[in-house]
């Protein structure tokens, strides 16, 4: 994930967007408002089927609504418009150096982090993502003819014995 994001506390994301640092906050009130604006529960929003520009736009608008993000020098600033947020998203990669997928992942983690037990949910999400990447790598290795082979106990080297697996290239004679 980009270094343009910083998670300060539960449900709070500092993000470089629209040419300046923005603070998005997702707690019960903001998550409830996001559910109202999208017509879906938060777990439906985050299940991977509803990911898209509308959700990202609504999340940024809602995350920016909290009282601290809209104060500059003690003065209230005008509320964000949808067009303004869409311009930020359009320009995020060019102006802020943030890819759309990274932006979406950071906002999603901030929303989940704002839920009760959010830290546990994020750990579960990260573990599931790591497992998915490991499975994809194993599939790629297998497609290239490489497989992970468990080492036998009592192997020649103590260094090898400490490593649970090694990768071996299958010979073409085994393909027949």
C-alpha atoms as a PDB file:
ATOM      1  CA  UNK A   1       0.000   0.000   0.000  1.00  0.00           C
ATOM      2  CA  UNK A   2       1.119   3.540  -0.722  1.00  0.00           C
ATOM      3  CA  UNK A   3       3.058   5.700   1.701  1.00  0.00           C
ATOM      4  CA  UNK A   4       0.409   8.352   0.991  1.00  0.00           C
ATOM      5  CA  UNK A   5      -1.784   6.807   3.703  1.00  0.00           C
ATOM      6  CA  UNK A   6      -1.484   6.917   7.464  1.00  0.00           C
ATOM      7  CA  UNK A   7      -3.872   5.257   9.893  1.00  0.00           C
ATOM      8  CA  UNK A   8      -3.794   7.423  13.027  1.00  0.00           C
ATOM      9  CA  UNK A   9      -6.295   5.614  15.229  1.00  0.00           C
ATOM     10  CA  UNK A  10      -9.333   3.387  14.976  1.00  0.00           C
ATOM     11  CA  UNK A  11     -11.243   4.309  11.830  1.00  0.00           C
ATOM     12  CA  UNK A  12      -9.149   7.410  11.041  1.00  0.00           C
ATOM     13  CA  UNK A  13      -7.225   7.681   7.782  1.00  0.00           C
ATOM     14  CA  UNK A  14      -4.882  10.511   6.815  1.00  0.00           C
ATOM     15  CA  UNK A  15      -4.645  10.526   3.046  1.00  0.00           C
ATOM     16  CA  UNK A  16      -3.086  12.692   0.351  1.00  0.00           C
ATOM     17  CA  UNK A  17      -5.995  13.491  -1.936  1.00  0.00           C
ATOM     18  CA  UNK A  18      -6.934  16.485  -4.042  1.00  0.00           C
ATOM     19  CA  UNK A  19      -3.450  17.920  -3.595  1.00  0.00           C
ATOM     20  CA  UNK A  20      -3.568  18.069   0.196  1.00  0.00           C
ATOM     21  CA  UNK A  21      -3.794  15.851   3.252  1.00  0.00           C
ATOM     22  CA  UNK A  22      -7.346  14.870   4.117  1.00  0.00           C
ATOM     23  CA  UNK A  23      -8.577  13.188   7.262  1.00  0.00           C
ATOM     24  CA  UNK A  24     -11.293  10.573   6.837  1.00  0.00           C
ATOM     25  CA  UNK A  25     -12.976   9.294   9.974  1.00  0.00           C
ATOM     26  CA  UNK A  26     -15.276   6.307  10.163  1.00  0.00           C
ATOM     27  CA  UNK A  27     -16.987   5.583  13.442  1.00  0.00           C
ATOM     28  CA  UNK A  28     -20.544   4.436  14.143  1.00  0.00           C
ATOM     29  CA  UNK A  29     -22.126   7.727  13.031  1.00  0.00           C
ATOM     30  CA  UNK A  30     -20.205   7.869   9.731  1.00  0.00           C
ATOM     31  CA  UNK A  31     -20.690   4.172   8.995  1.00  0.00           C
ATOM     32  CA  UNK A  32     -24.426   4.549   9.662  1.00  0.00           C
ATOM     33  CA  UNK A  33     -24.564   7.518   7.274  1.00  0.00           C
ATOM     34  CA  UNK A  34     -22.644   5.557   4.634  1.00  0.00           C
ATOM     35  CA  UNK A  35     -25.153   2.715   4.968  1.00  0.00           C
ATOM     36  CA  UNK A  36     -28.027   5.205   4.566  1.00  0.00           C
ATOM     37  CA  UNK A  37     -26.482   6.878   1.506  1.00  0.00           C
ATOM     38  CA  UNK A  38     -25.805   3.560  -0.256  1.00  0.00           C
ATOM     39  CA  UNK A  39     -28.834   1.602   0.956  1.00  0.00           C
ATOM     40  CA  UNK A  40     -26.643  -1.303   2.067  1.00  0.00           C
ATOM     41  CA  UNK A  41     -25.209  -2.567   5.336  1.00  0.00           C
ATOM     42  CA  UNK A  42     -21.488  -2.088   5.870  1.00  0.00           C
ATOM     43  CA  UNK A  43     -20.683  -5.792   5.508  1.00  0.00           C
ATOM     44  CA  UNK A  44     -22.565  -5.861   2.176  1.00  0.00           C
ATOM     45  CA  UNK A  45     -20.578  -2.831   1.074  1.00  0.00           C
ATOM     46  CA  UNK A  46     -17.289  -4.501   1.894  1.00  0.00           C
ATOM     47  CA  UNK A  47     -17.962  -8.047   0.692  1.00  0.00           C
ATOM     48  CA  UNK A  48     -16.186  -7.412  -2.591  1.00  0.00           C
ATOM     49  CA  UNK A  49     -19.272  -7.429  -4.785  1.00  0.00           C
ATOM     50  CA  UNK A  50     -20.183  -3.784  -4.284  1.00  0.00           C
ATOM     51  CA  UNK A  51     -16.745  -2.252  -4.741  1.00  0.00           C
ATOM     52  CA  UNK A  52     -16.802   0.629  -7.144  1.00  0.00           C
ATOM     53  CA  UNK A  53     -16.596   4.319  -7.763  1.00  0.00           C
ATOM     54  CA  UNK A  54     -19.928   5.122  -6.118  1.00  0.00           C
ATOM     55  CA  UNK A  55     -18.923   3.462  -2.858  1.00  0.00           C
ATOM     56  CA  UNK A  56     -15.511   5.158  -2.863  1.00  0.00           C
ATOM     57  CA  UNK A  57     -17.079   8.567  -3.566  1.00  0.00           C
ATOM     58  CA  UNK A  58     -19.711   8.152  -0.841  1.00  0.00           C
ATOM     59  CA  UNK A  59     -17.125   6.907   1.658  1.00  0.00           C
ATOM     60  CA  UNK A  60     -14.861   9.906   1.068  1.00  0.00           C
ATOM     61  CA  UNK A  61     -17.768  12.337   1.405  1.00  0.00           C
ATOM     62  CA  UNK A  62     -18.983  10.674   4.605  1.00  0.00           C
ATOM     63  CA  UNK A  63     -15.469  10.283   6.040  1.00  0.00           C
ATOM     64  CA  UNK A  64     -14.802  13.993   5.528  1.00  0.00           C
ATOM     65  CA  UNK A  65     -18.026  15.105   7.214  1.00  0.00           C
ATOM     66  CA  UNK A  66     -16.847  14.733  10.782  1.00  0.00           C
ATOM     67  CA  UNK A  67     -16.395  17.928  12.703  1.00  0.00           C
ATOM     68  CA  UNK A  68     -12.592  17.946  12.845  1.00  0.00           C
ATOM     69  CA  UNK A  69     -11.941  17.451   9.130  1.00  0.00           C
ATOM     70  CA  UNK A  70     -14.236  20.350   8.222  1.00  0.00           C
ATOM     71  CA  UNK A  71     -12.578  22.904  10.494  1.00  0.00           C
ATOM     72  CA  UNK A  72      -9.646  24.975   9.375  1.00  0.00           C
ATOM     73  CA  UNK A  73      -8.396  27.501  11.887  1.00  0.00           C
ATOM     74  CA  UNK A  74     -11.619  27.266  13.877  1.00  0.00           C
ATOM     75  CA  UNK A  75     -13.793  28.093  10.827  1.00  0.00           C
ATOM     76  CA  UNK A  76     -16.184  25.671   9.225  1.00  0.00           C
ATOM     77  CA  UNK A  77     -15.483  25.024   5.563  1.00  0.00           C
ATOM     78  CA  UNK A  78     -18.153  24.236   3.003  1.00  0.00           C
ATOM     79  CA  UNK A  79     -19.260  20.644   2.630  1.00  0.00           C
ATOM     80  CA  UNK A  80     -17.760  18.613  -0.185  1.00  0.00           C
ATOM     81  CA  UNK A  81     -19.649  18.145  -3.410  1.00  0.00           C
ATOM     82  CA  UNK A  82     -19.817  14.870  -5.289  1.00  0.00           C
ATOM     83  CA  UNK A  83     -18.118  16.457  -8.305  1.00  0.00           C
ATOM     84  CA  UNK A  84     -15.237  17.693  -6.162  1.00  0.00           C
ATOM     85  CA  UNK A  85     -14.637  14.209  -4.738  1.00  0.00           C
ATOM     86  CA  UNK A  86     -14.893  12.615  -8.180  1.00  0.00           C
ATOM     87  CA  UNK A  87     -12.229  15.054  -9.443  1.00  0.00           C
ATOM     88  CA  UNK A  88      -9.971  14.001  -6.543  1.00  0.00           C
ATOM     89  CA  UNK A  89     -10.468  10.359  -7.464  1.00  0.00           C
ATOM     90  CA  UNK A  90      -9.864  11.060 -11.180  1.00  0.00           C
ATOM     91  CA  UNK A  91      -6.624  12.857 -10.420  1.00  0.00           C
ATOM     92  CA  UNK A  92      -5.441  10.707  -7.509  1.00  0.00           C
ATOM     93  CA  UNK A  93      -2.899   8.722  -9.508  1.00  0.00           C
ATOM     94  CA  UNK A  94      -1.509  11.645 -11.528  1.00  0.00           C
ATOM     95  CA  UNK A  95      -1.464  14.344  -8.840  1.00  0.00           C
ATOM     96  CA  UNK A  96      -1.178  12.377  -5.605  1.00  0.00           C
ATOM     97  CA  UNK A  97       0.627   9.253  -6.835  1.00  0.00           C
ATOM     98  CA  UNK A  98      -2.089   6.918  -5.536  1.00  0.00           C
ATOM     99  CA  UNK A  99      -3.419   4.048  -7.615  1.00  0.00           C
ATOM    100  CA  UNK A 100      -7.185   3.502  -7.511  1.00  0.00           C
ATOM    101  CA  UNK A 101      -6.861   0.031  -5.958  1.00  0.00           C
ATOM    102  CA  UNK A 102      -4.630   1.363  -3.164  1.00  0.00           C
ATOM    103  CA  UNK A 103      -7.020   4.248  -2.510  1.00  0.00           C
ATOM    104  CA  UNK A 104      -9.934   1.839  -2.309  1.00  0.00           C
ATOM    105  CA  UNK A 105      -8.056  -0.550  -0.016  1.00  0.00           C
ATOM    106  CA  UNK A 106      -7.062   2.246   2.371  1.00  0.00           C
ATOM    107  CA  UNK A 107     -10.598   3.651   2.586  1.00  0.00           C
ATOM    108  CA  UNK A 108     -12.021   0.148   3.061  1.00  0.00           C
ATOM    109  CA  UNK A 109      -9.592  -0.562   5.903  1.00  0.00           C
ATOM    110  CA  UNK A 110     -10.505   2.741   7.543  1.00  0.00           C
ATOM    111  CA  UNK A 111     -14.211   1.848   7.383  1.00  0.00           C
ATOM    112  CA  UNK A 112     -13.604  -1.617   8.828  1.00  0.00           C
ATOM    113  CA  UNK A 113     -11.270  -0.118  11.431  1.00  0.00           C
ATOM    114  CA  UNK A 114     -14.100   2.100  12.638  1.00  0.00           C
ATOM    115  CA  UNK A 115     -16.304  -0.871  13.479  1.00  0.00           C
ATOM    116  CA  UNK A 116     -16.343  -2.402  16.947  1.00  0.00           C
ATOM    117  CA  UNK A 117     -13.641  -5.117  16.820  1.00  0.00           C
ATOM    118  CA  UNK A 118     -12.345  -3.401  13.682  1.00  0.00           C
ATOM    119  CA  UNK A 119      -8.702  -4.221  14.445  1.00  0.00           C
ATOM    120  CA  UNK A 120      -9.541  -7.937  14.553  1.00  0.00           C
ATOM    121  CA  UNK A 121     -11.526  -7.665  11.323  1.00  0.00           C
ATOM    122  CA  UNK A 122      -8.582  -5.949   9.602  1.00  0.00           C
ATOM    123  CA  UNK A 123      -6.203  -8.670  10.806  1.00  0.00           C
ATOM    124  CA  UNK A 124      -8.615 -11.270   9.396  1.00  0.00           C
ATOM    125  CA  UNK A 125      -8.821  -9.361   6.087  1.00  0.00           C
ATOM    126  CA  UNK A 126      -5.023  -9.115   5.889  1.00  0.00           C
ATOM    127  CA  UNK A 127      -4.639 -12.830   6.666  1.00  0.00           C
ATOM    128  CA  UNK A 128      -7.206 -13.756   4.006  1.00  0.00           C
ATOM    129  CA  UNK A 129      -5.453 -11.516   1.468  1.00  0.00           C
ATOM    130  CA  UNK A 130      -2.054 -13.041   2.325  1.00  0.00           C
ATOM    131  CA  UNK A 131      -3.510 -16.555   1.944  1.00  0.00           C
ATOM    132  CA  UNK A 132      -5.024 -15.592  -1.408  1.00  0.00           C
ATOM    133  CA  UNK A 133      -1.648 -14.250  -2.610  1.00  0.00           C
ATOM    134  CA  UNK A 134       0.125 -17.401  -1.379  1.00  0.00           C
ATOM    135  CA  UNK A 135      -2.405 -19.580  -3.219  1.00  0.00           C
ATOM    136  CA  UNK A 136      -1.945 -17.532  -6.398  1.00  0.00           C
ATOM    137  CA  UNK A 137       1.850 -17.848  -6.103  1.00  0.00           C
ATOM    138  CA  UNK A 138       1.554 -21.608  -5.569  1.00  0.00           C
ATOM    139  CA  UNK A 139      -0.682 -21.840  -8.649  1.00  0.00           C
ATOM    140  CA  UNK A 140       1.856 -19.813 -10.664  1.00  0.00           C
ATOM    141  CA  UNK A 141       4.726 -21.986  -9.410  1.00  0.00           C
ATOM    142  CA  UNK A 142       2.794 -25.128 -10.290  1.00  0.00           C
ATOM    143  CA  UNK A 143       2.023 -23.778 -13.769  1.00  0.00           C
ATOM    144  CA  UNK A 144       5.779 -23.213 -14.271  1.00  0.00           C
ATOM    145  CA  UNK A 145       6.475 -26.775 -13.110  1.00  0.00           C
ATOM    146  CA  UNK A 146       7.710 -25.842  -9.630  1.00  0.00           C
ATOM    147  CA  UNK A 147       6.268 -27.391  -6.502  1.00  0.00           C
ATOM    148  CA  UNK A 148       6.909 -26.969  -2.794  1.00  0.00           C
ATOM    149  CA  UNK A 149       8.405 -30.192  -1.455  1.00  0.00           C
ATOM    150  CA  UNK A 150       8.503 -30.870   2.306  1.00  0.00           C
ATOM    151  CA  UNK A 151      11.980 -31.647   3.585  1.00  0.00           C
ATOM    152  CA  UNK A 152      12.533 -34.970   5.273  1.00  0.00           C
ATOM    153  CA  UNK A 153      13.420 -34.893   8.953  1.00  0.00           C
ATOM    154  CA  UNK A 154      17.059 -35.618   9.672  1.00  0.00           C
ATOM    155  CA  UNK A 155      18.182 -33.935   6.464  1.00  0.00           C
ATOM    156  CA  UNK A 156      21.844 -33.293   5.720  1.00  0.00           C
ATOM    157  CA  UNK A 157      21.965 -29.735   6.933  1.00  0.00           C
ATOM    158  CA  UNK A 158      20.669 -28.094  10.080  1.00  0.00           C
ATOM    159  CA  UNK A 159      19.983 -24.989   8.004  1.00  0.00           C
ATOM    160  CA  UNK A 160      17.796 -26.967   5.642  1.00  0.00           C
ATOM    161  CA  UNK A 161      16.062 -28.704   8.516  1.00  0.00           C
ATOM    162  CA  UNK A 162      14.941 -25.340   9.881  1.00  0.00           C
ATOM    163  CA  UNK A 163      13.229 -24.512   6.574  1.00  0.00           C
ATOM    164  CA  UNK A 164       9.920 -26.377   6.232  1.00  0.00           C
ATOM    165  CA  UNK A 165       9.865 -26.533   2.419  1.00  0.00           C
ATOM    166  CA  UNK A 166      11.982 -26.014  -0.656  1.00  0.00           C
ATOM    167  CA  UNK A 167      10.996 -25.459  -4.253  1.00  0.00           C
ATOM    168  CA  UNK A 168      11.993 -27.990  -6.889  1.00  0.00           C
ATOM    169  CA  UNK A 169      11.644 -27.864 -10.662  1.00  0.00           C
ATOM    170  CA  UNK A 170       9.841 -30.894 -12.071  1.00  0.00           C
ATOM    171  CA  UNK A 171      11.699 -32.491 -14.910  1.00  0.00           C
ATOM    172  CA  UNK A 172      10.003 -32.828 -18.260  1.00  0.00           C
ATOM    173  CA  UNK A 173      10.348 -36.611 -18.036  1.00  0.00           C
ATOM    174  CA  UNK A 174       7.785 -36.597 -15.215  1.00  0.00           C
ATOM    175  CA  UNK A 175       5.242 -34.796 -17.396  1.00  0.00           C
ATOM    176  CA  UNK A 176       4.587 -37.846 -19.584  1.00  0.00           C
END
